[in-house]
Amino acid sequence: QNMVMSFRVSDLQMLLGFVGRSKSGLKHELVTRALQLVQFDCSPEVFKKIKELYETRYNKKGSDVAQPPAGAPHRAEPLPLHASYERGSAVPRTLPTTNIDYPALYGKYLNGLGRLPPKVAKPEVRLVKLPFYTTLDELLKPTELVPQNNEKLQESPCIFALTPRQVELIRNSRELQPGVKSVQVVLRICYTDTSSPQEDQYPPNIAVKVNHSYCSVPGYYPSNKPGVEPKRPCRPINLTHLMYLSAATNRITVTWGNYGK
């Protein structure tokens, strides 16, 4: 993230073009797009490209500047590789999420602070416990659905990989043997109110895509009253049948309507 924050417009455009993303827009929009890439879809190839652009920029910058006098402190070395990529792993690992408001952060960075503000730990949202369910694992920490532009429909991606133990639990539960309980991977969505445990709530126009296939979301209750919007039963969305039961990375994209709620 620090490497990306130091990029010029040309560096950001080269990075976004490398992964087939849009290269148009103002600098803060390019930075936001690149930081989303780092957080949600940073494969070893993408990380290598970021490091290459970073080192090329500073090596070129260093060659244009006169050599420092003897005894002067040298500039800091480029940031080290993330440990999970140094080993040449074929499967990208999920990077730790930071819950940083990138547009606001970059605006402050532009206004001359010259360094990143300290991270403030925000209280996590809590979900109500569900009847008939026992939580075995939490695959992803709660992630805020943040609009990235002024469009009415927004997309929010997230990625994770199942552990071998989790894969085995799901496979065993599919055989429906006596005494073996069903194991599901579910998606839960709620309001960002941290004052009390939250019930499941769906944003308008919700659609959920899991590994290139759309997942069914409960339909609306019919309404006979004129002028009254039909309501949708809000409950966990079962993603199990679309999961990769292997070490492969699972990708979930939530499409939602940005209507100010």
Protein backbone atom coordinates (compact mmCIF):
# COMPACT_ATOMS: atom_id res chain seq x y z
CA GLN A 1 0.00 0.00 0.00
CA ASN A 2 2.85 2.41 0.78
CA MET A 3 4.43 1.65 -2.60
CA VAL A 4 1.16 2.36 -4.42
CA MET A 5 0.59 5.60 -2.47
CA SER A 6 3.98 6.89 -3.73
CA PHE A 7 3.21 6.19 -7.43
CA ARG A 8 2.79 8.91 -10.04
CA VAL A 9 -0.13 8.94 -12.48
CA SER A 10 1.92 7.14 -15.14
CA ASP A 11 2.89 4.39 -12.67
CA LEU A 12 -0.73 3.93 -11.59
CA GLN A 13 -1.92 3.76 -15.21
CA MET A 14 0.74 1.13 -16.03
CA LEU A 15 -0.32 -0.98 -13.02
CA LEU A 16 -4.06 -0.76 -13.78
CA GLY A 17 -3.43 -1.46 -17.48
CA PHE A 18 -1.37 -4.52 -16.50
CA VAL A 19 -4.44 -6.10 -14.85
CA GLY A 20 -6.94 -4.84 -17.44
CA ARG A 21 -8.57 -2.21 -15.21
CA SER A 22 -9.68 1.28 -16.32
CA LYS A 23 -6.80 3.79 -16.52
CA SER A 24 -8.99 6.90 -16.81
CA GLY A 25 -9.80 9.36 -14.05
CA LEU A 26 -8.13 11.75 -11.62
CA LYS A 27 -5.12 10.69 -9.59
CA HIS A 28 -7.06 10.03 -6.37
CA GLU A 29 -9.44 7.77 -8.34
CA LEU A 30 -6.50 5.82 -9.79
CA VAL A 31 -4.97 5.46 -6.31
CA THR A 32 -8.28 4.21 -4.87
CA ARG A 33 -8.60 1.67 -7.71
CA ALA A 34 -5.00 0.48 -7.22
CA LEU A 35 -5.42 0.13 -3.45
CA GLN A 36 -8.57 -1.94 -3.97
CA LEU A 37 -6.49 -4.17 -6.24
CA VAL A 38 -3.88 -4.60 -3.48
CA GLN A 39 -6.51 -5.43 -0.86
CA PHE A 40 -8.79 -7.75 -2.83
CA ASP A 41 -6.89 -9.23 -5.79
CA CYS A 42 -3.14 -9.08 -5.18
CA SER A 43 -1.72 -12.13 -6.95
CA PRO A 44 2.07 -12.79 -6.97
CA GLU A 45 2.21 -11.37 -10.52
CA VAL A 46 0.49 -8.13 -9.46
CA PHE A 47 2.75 -7.80 -6.41
CA LYS A 48 5.82 -8.32 -8.62
CA LYS A 49 4.60 -5.58 -10.99
CA ILE A 50 4.05 -3.15 -8.09
CA LYS A 51 7.57 -3.83 -6.77
CA GLU A 52 9.03 -3.47 -10.27
CA LEU A 53 7.33 -0.07 -10.83
CA TYR A 54 8.38 1.09 -7.37
CA GLU A 55 12.03 0.12 -7.82
CA THR A 56 12.18 1.50 -11.38
CA ARG A 57 10.89 4.86 -10.17
CA TYR A 58 13.35 5.18 -7.29
CA ASN A 59 16.34 3.83 -9.21
CA LYS A 60 15.64 6.37 -11.96
CA LYS A 61 15.12 9.11 -9.40
CA GLY A 62 18.38 8.19 -7.69
CA SER A 63 20.36 8.35 -10.95
CA ASP A 64 19.09 11.89 -11.71
CA VAL A 65 20.21 13.29 -8.35
CA ALA A 66 23.81 14.13 -7.45
CA GLN A 67 25.56 11.64 -5.17
CA PRO A 68 25.25 12.54 -1.45
CA PRO A 69 28.39 13.66 0.37
CA ALA A 70 30.32 11.18 2.49
CA GLY A 71 28.65 10.49 5.79
CA ALA A 72 25.20 11.58 4.61
CA PRO A 73 22.39 9.14 5.35
CA HIS A 74 21.28 7.04 2.39
CA ARG A 75 17.64 6.76 1.37
CA ALA A 76 15.68 3.84 2.73
CA GLU A 77 15.71 0.59 0.78
CA PRO A 78 12.53 -0.43 -1.09
CA LEU A 79 9.89 -2.15 1.04
CA PRO A 80 10.50 -5.90 1.46
CA LEU A 81 8.30 -8.50 -0.20
CA HIS A 82 5.37 -9.85 1.78
CA ALA A 83 6.47 -13.15 3.31
CA SER A 84 3.80 -15.18 1.51
CA TYR A 85 5.17 -14.15 -1.92
CA GLU A 86 8.88 -14.66 -1.21
CA ARG A 87 8.32 -18.40 -1.08
CA GLY A 88 6.92 -18.43 -4.62
CA SER A 89 3.59 -19.88 -3.58
CA ALA A 90 1.29 -20.72 -6.48
CA VAL A 91 -1.83 -19.85 -4.47
CA PRO A 92 -2.22 -16.16 -3.50
CA ARG A 93 -2.95 -15.67 0.17
CA THR A 94 -5.47 -13.14 1.42
CA LEU A 95 -3.74 -10.00 2.64
CA PRO A 96 -4.82 -8.59 6.01
CA THR A 97 -7.61 -6.06 5.62
CA THR A 98 -7.02 -2.54 6.92
CA ASN A 99 -10.47 -0.86 6.96
CA ILE A 100 -8.92 2.41 5.68
CA ASP A 101 -11.12 5.01 3.99
CA TYR A 102 -8.90 5.35 0.92
CA PRO A 103 -10.44 8.46 -0.75
CA ALA A 104 -10.44 10.43 2.51
CA LEU A 105 -6.96 9.18 3.37
CA TYR A 106 -5.52 10.15 -0.01
CA GLY A 107 -7.15 13.59 0.19
CA LYS A 108 -5.32 14.23 3.48
CA TYR A 109 -2.10 12.90 1.96
CA LEU A 110 -2.45 15.36 -0.94
CA ASN A 111 -3.02 18.27 1.41
CA GLY A 112 0.57 18.26 2.58
CA LEU A 113 0.71 16.03 5.66
CA GLY A 114 3.44 14.06 3.89
CA ARG A 115 2.79 10.86 5.80
CA LEU A 116 -0.04 8.45 6.57
CA PRO A 117 -2.17 9.25 9.63
CA PRO A 118 -2.12 6.66 12.43
CA LYS A 119 -4.67 3.86 12.05
CA VAL A 120 -7.61 4.20 14.42
CA ALA A 121 -9.17 0.90 15.46
CA LYS A 122 -12.91 1.02 14.76
CA PRO A 123 -15.31 -1.17 16.76
CA GLU A 124 -16.42 -4.22 14.79
CA VAL A 125 -20.03 -4.82 13.91
CA ARG A 126 -21.60 -7.81 15.71
CA LEU A 127 -24.30 -10.05 14.27
CA VAL A 128 -27.08 -11.66 16.28
CA LYS A 129 -26.70 -15.38 16.92
CA LEU A 130 -28.87 -17.50 14.66
CA PRO A 131 -31.19 -20.25 15.90
CA PHE A 132 -30.32 -23.74 14.58
CA TYR A 133 -26.79 -22.61 13.58
CA THR A 134 -23.47 -23.14 15.33
CA THR A 135 -20.61 -20.95 14.09
CA LEU A 136 -17.56 -23.10 13.35
CA ASP A 137 -15.23 -20.49 11.78
CA GLU A 138 -15.22 -16.89 10.58
CA LEU A 139 -13.78 -16.89 7.04
CA LEU A 140 -13.67 -13.09 6.69
CA LYS A 141 -13.89 -10.26 9.20
CA PRO A 142 -16.84 -7.87 8.67
CA THR A 143 -16.11 -5.74 5.60
CA GLU A 144 -17.89 -2.45 4.94
CA LEU A 145 -19.74 -1.96 1.65
CA VAL A 146 -18.25 1.38 0.54
CA PRO A 147 -19.40 3.08 -2.72
CA GLN A 148 -16.46 3.71 -5.08
CA ASN A 149 -18.21 6.19 -7.41
CA ASN A 150 -21.55 7.97 -7.96
CA GLU A 151 -23.20 5.04 -9.75
CA LYS A 152 -26.45 3.67 -8.30
CA LEU A 153 -25.18 0.07 -8.54
CA GLN A 154 -21.93 -0.75 -6.75
CA GLU A 155 -19.73 -3.85 -6.70
CA SER A 156 -17.79 -4.98 -3.63
CA PRO A 157 -15.44 -7.99 -4.09
CA CYS A 158 -13.76 -10.13 -1.43
CA ILE A 159 -11.58 -13.24 -1.60
CA PHE A 160 -10.64 -16.07 0.76
CA ALA A 161 -9.44 -19.68 0.68
CA LEU A 162 -10.77 -22.61 2.70
CA THR A 163 -8.38 -24.57 4.90
CA PRO A 164 -8.02 -28.35 4.36
CA ARG A 165 -9.99 -28.94 7.60
CA GLN A 166 -12.86 -26.74 6.41
CA VAL A 167 -12.94 -28.52 3.03
CA GLU A 168 -13.09 -31.90 4.79
CA LEU A 169 -15.96 -30.76 7.06
CA ILE A 170 -18.04 -29.60 4.07
CA ARG A 171 -17.34 -32.76 2.04
CA ASN A 172 -18.22 -35.06 4.93
CA SER A 173 -21.48 -33.21 5.59
CA ARG A 174 -22.60 -33.70 1.98
CA GLU A 175 -22.77 -37.46 2.38
CA LEU A 176 -25.76 -37.06 4.75
CA GLN A 177 -24.69 -39.89 7.02
CA PRO A 178 -26.68 -40.40 10.26
CA GLY A 179 -25.42 -38.09 12.99
CA VAL A 180 -23.37 -35.87 10.62
CA LYS A 181 -24.60 -32.27 10.69
CA SER A 182 -24.79 -30.09 7.58
CA VAL A 183 -21.90 -27.61 7.24
CA GLN A 184 -22.48 -24.45 5.19
CA VAL A 185 -20.56 -21.39 4.09
CA VAL A 186 -22.96 -18.47 4.50
CA LEU A 187 -22.82 -14.76 3.76
CA ARG A 188 -24.40 -12.37 6.27
CA ILE A 189 -25.11 -8.68 5.64
CA CYS A 190 -26.25 -6.07 8.17
CA TYR A 191 -26.23 -2.35 8.97
CA THR A 192 -22.94 -0.83 10.21
CA ASP A 193 -24.31 -0.11 13.68
CA THR A 194 -21.78 -1.19 16.31
CA SER A 195 -23.88 -0.22 19.36
CA SER A 196 -25.68 -3.59 19.51
CA PRO A 197 -25.80 -6.98 17.73
CA GLN A 198 -27.34 -6.58 14.27
CA GLU A 199 -29.92 -8.67 12.43
CA ASP A 200 -29.45 -9.66 8.79
CA GLN A 201 -30.45 -6.87 6.38
CA TYR A 202 -30.10 -6.74 2.59
CA PRO A 203 -29.22 -3.60 0.65
CA PRO A 204 -31.53 -2.79 -2.30
CA ASN A 205 -30.90 -4.46 -5.67
CA ILE A 206 -28.65 -7.09 -4.10
CA ALA A 207 -27.00 -9.75 -6.26
CA VAL A 208 -24.27 -12.16 -5.13
CA LYS A 209 -21.75 -13.73 -7.51
CA VAL A 210 -19.57 -16.61 -6.31
CA ASN A 211 -16.68 -17.80 -8.52
CA HIS A 212 -18.32 -16.59 -11.78
CA SER A 213 -21.81 -17.96 -10.91
CA TYR A 214 -24.73 -16.04 -9.44
CA CYS A 215 -26.10 -17.29 -6.11
CA SER A 216 -29.83 -17.27 -5.46
CA VAL A 217 -31.04 -14.69 -2.93
CA PRO A 218 -34.45 -15.08 -1.19
CA GLY A 219 -37.24 -13.45 -3.20
CA TYR A 220 -39.75 -10.82 -2.09
CA TYR A 221 -42.88 -11.37 -0.06
CA PRO A 222 -45.89 -10.33 -2.18
CA SER A 223 -47.66 -7.14 -1.06
CA ASN A 224 -51.38 -6.55 -1.69
CA LYS A 225 -51.35 -2.99 -0.35
CA PRO A 226 -51.02 -0.26 -3.03
CA GLY A 227 -47.92 1.89 -2.71
CA VAL A 228 -46.23 -0.45 -0.22
CA GLU A 229 -42.86 -1.88 -1.29
CA PRO A 230 -42.62 -5.67 -1.11
CA LYS A 231 -40.25 -6.91 1.59
CA ARG A 232 -37.56 -9.56 1.31
CA PRO A 233 -36.92 -12.13 4.08
CA CYS A 234 -33.41 -11.33 5.31
CA ARG A 235 -31.44 -14.39 6.29
CA PRO A 236 -27.93 -15.80 5.66
CA ILE A 237 -27.19 -16.57 2.00
CA ASN A 238 -25.94 -20.13 1.50
CA LEU A 239 -22.83 -20.13 -0.77
CA THR A 240 -21.71 -23.73 -0.14
CA HIS A 241 -22.69 -25.27 -3.50
CA LEU A 242 -20.56 -22.70 -5.38
CA MET A 243 -17.41 -22.96 -3.24
CA TYR A 244 -14.12 -24.35 -4.57
CA LEU A 245 -13.48 -27.30 -2.25
CA SER A 246 -9.70 -27.07 -2.69
CA ALA A 247 -6.83 -24.69 -1.96
CA ALA A 248 -8.06 -22.37 -4.75
CA THR A 249 -9.09 -18.83 -3.87
CA ASN A 250 -12.85 -18.21 -3.68
CA ARG A 251 -14.07 -14.84 -4.94
CA ILE A 252 -17.39 -13.31 -3.89
CA THR A 253 -18.77 -10.13 -5.46
CA VAL A 254 -21.76 -8.38 -3.88
CA THR A 255 -23.67 -6.02 -6.20
CA TRP A 256 -25.81 -3.55 -4.26
CA GLY A 257 -27.82 -0.38 -4.72
CA ASN A 258 -26.22 2.80 -3.36
CA TYR A 259 -29.22 4.81 -2.16
CA GLY A 260 -27.63 6.53 0.82
CA LYS A 261 -28.44 3.91 3.47
